[in-house]
Protein backbone atom coordinates (compact mmCIF):
# COMPACT_ATOMS: atom_id res chain seq x y z
CA MET A 1 148.64 164.20 149.55
CA THR A 2 149.52 164.50 146.02
CA ILE A 3 151.27 166.09 143.79
CA VAL A 4 149.81 167.21 140.07
CA THR A 5 150.54 168.72 137.19
CA ILE A 6 149.06 171.65 134.97
CA SER A 7 148.49 170.80 131.03
CA GLU A 8 149.16 173.53 128.43
CA ARG A 9 144.79 173.95 128.66
CA GLY A 10 145.06 174.44 132.19
CA GLN A 11 144.09 170.63 132.50
CA LEU A 12 144.53 168.57 135.65
CA VAL A 13 144.34 164.53 136.33
CA ILE A 14 142.62 164.08 139.61
CA PRO A 15 144.83 161.03 140.76
CA GLN A 16 142.74 157.04 140.17
CA GLU A 17 142.07 156.60 143.81
CA ILE A 18 140.45 159.99 144.28
CA ARG A 19 138.23 159.23 141.60
CA SER A 20 137.36 155.66 142.53
CA LYS A 21 137.03 157.23 145.61
CA LEU A 22 134.13 159.82 145.13
CA ASP A 23 132.83 157.65 141.61
CA LEU A 24 133.66 160.36 140.14
CA VAL A 25 134.13 159.43 135.95
CA LYS A 26 133.81 161.09 132.74
CA GLY A 27 130.83 163.73 132.42
CA ARG A 28 130.33 164.22 136.45
CA LYS A 29 129.76 167.36 137.36
CA LEU A 30 132.11 168.96 140.16
CA PHE A 31 131.48 172.66 142.00
CA VAL A 32 134.77 174.62 141.77
CA ASP A 33 135.70 176.89 144.87
CA PHE A 34 138.06 179.20 144.77
CA SER A 35 139.47 181.43 148.38
CA GLU A 36 141.52 183.61 147.92
CA GLN A 37 142.05 184.46 151.69
CA GLU A 38 142.86 181.53 151.54
CA GLY A 39 144.98 180.78 148.30
CA THR A 40 142.59 177.42 147.48
CA ILE A 41 141.16 175.51 144.99
CA THR A 42 138.42 172.84 146.66
CA LEU A 43 136.48 170.60 144.21
CA ARG A 44 133.01 169.40 145.21
CA PRO A 45 131.43 166.45 143.31
CA VAL A 46 127.20 168.29 141.81
CA ALA A 47 125.35 165.16 143.79
CA PRO A 48 123.71 163.57 140.67
CA VAL A 49 119.48 163.58 140.86
CA LYS A 50 119.26 160.31 140.58
CA SER A 51 120.86 160.38 143.96
CA LEU A 52 118.34 162.76 145.68
CA ARG A 53 115.39 160.67 144.99
CA GLY A 54 113.57 159.38 148.12
CA PHE A 55 115.47 161.23 149.50
CA LEU A 56 112.42 162.77 151.70
CA LYS A 57 110.43 159.08 152.33
CA GLY A 58 108.35 159.27 155.04
CA THR A 59 107.45 163.05 154.74
CA PRO A 60 104.09 163.80 153.88
CA PRO A 61 103.87 165.68 150.32
CA VAL A 62 103.42 169.55 150.87
CA ASP A 63 99.85 169.50 149.61
CA HIS A 64 99.10 167.42 151.94
CA MET A 65 100.99 169.63 155.27
CA LEU A 66 99.66 172.60 153.35
CA ARG A 67 95.95 171.40 153.71
CA THR A 68 96.26 170.35 156.99
CA VAL A 69 97.65 173.83 158.49
CA ARG A 70 95.01 175.79 156.91
CA ARG A 71 92.56 173.46 158.35
CA GLU A 72 94.39 174.03 161.73
CA GLU A 73 94.22 178.06 160.68
CA ARG A 74 90.50 178.27 160.03
CA ARG A 75 89.37 175.93 164.13
CA SER A 76 91.25 178.77 165.45
CA ASP A 77 89.96 181.63 164.00
CA GLU A 78 86.68 180.07 164.39
CA ARG A 79 87.10 179.47 167.85
CA LYS A 80 88.62 182.68 168.25
CA ARG A 81 85.48 184.37 166.83
CA GLY A 82 82.86 182.19 168.60
């Protein structure tokens, strides 16, 4: 555990070791969560949009999935009718 000091402007310095491990650089955004019940503040890095690129790789496009579902629904309806 590391102790940091809050400046007059309400700022604090995150130790270099932690910044390096989390790839926190100037301009990087963080979620700030305050738990009144626990009396804690939690900082979590916001995932850069670039890091999300390709996370759905290998899954069919949504329009393809919708066409497939609709086709199956039509076939099911046709079977019910006769």
